[in-house]
Amino acid sequence: MGDLAAGLEEAEGAWAKAAGADDADTYIEHADAGWEVTDPYVSVTARHALGLASTPPEYDEEAERDTGDGGMKV
């Protein structure tokens, strides 16, 4: 659990920097760093150990997504 906590602290710092980014390139740089130290499989194991829900969501990669225009008229 200690390794997970340390990784999450590192990710938190990266995400905080991403949130304060002034441009898209800086945001992506810090967001990528945040994702690199986050291992969803380790997180699921930790959630299980804590008695929390540990079944990761299933995503249908083939599903069509309606991006729509949100009713916006131009």
Protein backbone atom coordinates (compact mmCIF):
# COMPACT_ATOMS: atom_id res chain seq x y z
CA MET A 1 0.00 0.00 0.00
CA GLY A 2 2.94 2.33 0.65
CA ASP A 3 4.07 2.16 -2.97
CA LEU A 4 0.53 2.89 -4.13
CA ALA A 5 0.26 5.89 -1.79
CA ALA A 6 3.60 7.27 -2.98
CA GLY A 7 2.55 6.86 -6.61
CA LEU A 8 -0.75 8.59 -5.95
CA GLU A 9 1.02 11.50 -4.26
CA GLU A 10 3.28 11.83 -7.29
CA ALA A 11 0.27 11.65 -9.62
CA GLU A 12 -1.54 14.27 -7.53
CA GLY A 13 1.36 16.67 -8.05
CA ALA A 14 1.39 16.05 -11.78
CA TRP A 15 -2.38 16.55 -12.05
CA ALA A 16 -2.17 19.77 -10.01
CA LYS A 17 0.44 21.07 -12.47
CA ALA A 18 -1.79 20.00 -15.37
CA ALA A 19 -4.74 21.86 -13.84
CA GLY A 20 -2.67 25.04 -13.63
CA ALA A 21 -1.22 24.78 -17.13
CA ASP A 22 -1.42 27.86 -19.32
CA ASP A 23 -1.44 25.96 -22.61
CA ALA A 24 -2.43 22.59 -24.05
CA ASP A 25 1.13 21.31 -24.49
CA THR A 26 1.99 21.92 -20.85
CA TYR A 27 -1.29 20.33 -19.76
CA ILE A 28 -0.61 17.20 -21.82
CA GLU A 29 2.96 16.96 -20.50
CA HIS A 30 1.79 16.96 -16.88
CA ALA A 31 -1.33 14.84 -17.50
CA ASP A 32 0.82 12.18 -19.17
CA ALA A 33 3.12 12.20 -16.14
CA GLY A 34 0.08 11.74 -13.89
CA TRP A 35 -1.13 8.74 -15.89
CA GLU A 36 2.33 7.14 -16.00
CA VAL A 37 2.47 6.70 -12.22
CA THR A 38 -1.14 5.49 -11.93
CA ASP A 39 -1.55 1.73 -12.38
CA PRO A 40 -5.27 0.87 -12.40
CA TYR A 41 -4.60 -2.79 -11.58
CA VAL A 42 -2.72 -1.87 -8.40
CA SER A 43 -5.49 0.57 -7.47
CA VAL A 44 -8.11 -2.16 -7.86
CA THR A 45 -6.09 -4.45 -5.58
CA ALA A 46 -5.84 -1.72 -2.95
CA ARG A 47 -9.59 -1.04 -3.19
CA HIS A 48 -10.26 -4.75 -2.67
CA ALA A 49 -7.99 -4.82 0.38
CA LEU A 50 -9.93 -1.88 1.83
CA GLY A 51 -13.27 -3.61 1.26
CA LEU A 52 -14.30 -1.18 -1.50
CA ALA A 53 -15.74 -1.99 -4.93
CA SER A 54 -12.93 -3.53 -6.94
CA THR A 55 -14.51 -4.46 -10.27
CA PRO A 56 -13.18 -2.11 -12.93
CA PRO A 57 -15.78 -0.76 -15.35
CA GLU A 58 -16.05 -2.42 -18.73
CA TYR A 59 -15.97 -0.16 -21.74
CA ASP A 60 -17.31 -1.05 -25.14
CA GLU A 61 -14.55 0.19 -27.41
CA GLU A 62 -16.75 -0.49 -30.44
CA ALA A 63 -19.67 1.61 -29.19
CA GLU A 64 -20.68 4.53 -31.34
CA ARG A 65 -20.65 7.74 -29.45
CA ASP A 66 -22.99 10.58 -30.32
CA THR A 67 -20.77 13.63 -30.06
CA GLY A 68 -23.68 15.80 -31.15
CA ASP A 69 -23.68 19.54 -31.22
CA GLY A 70 -25.38 20.00 -27.87
CA GLY A 71 -28.26 21.80 -29.58
CA MET A 72 -25.98 24.68 -30.46
CA LYS A 73 -26.93 26.67 -33.53
CA VAL A 74 -24.26 28.54 -35.42
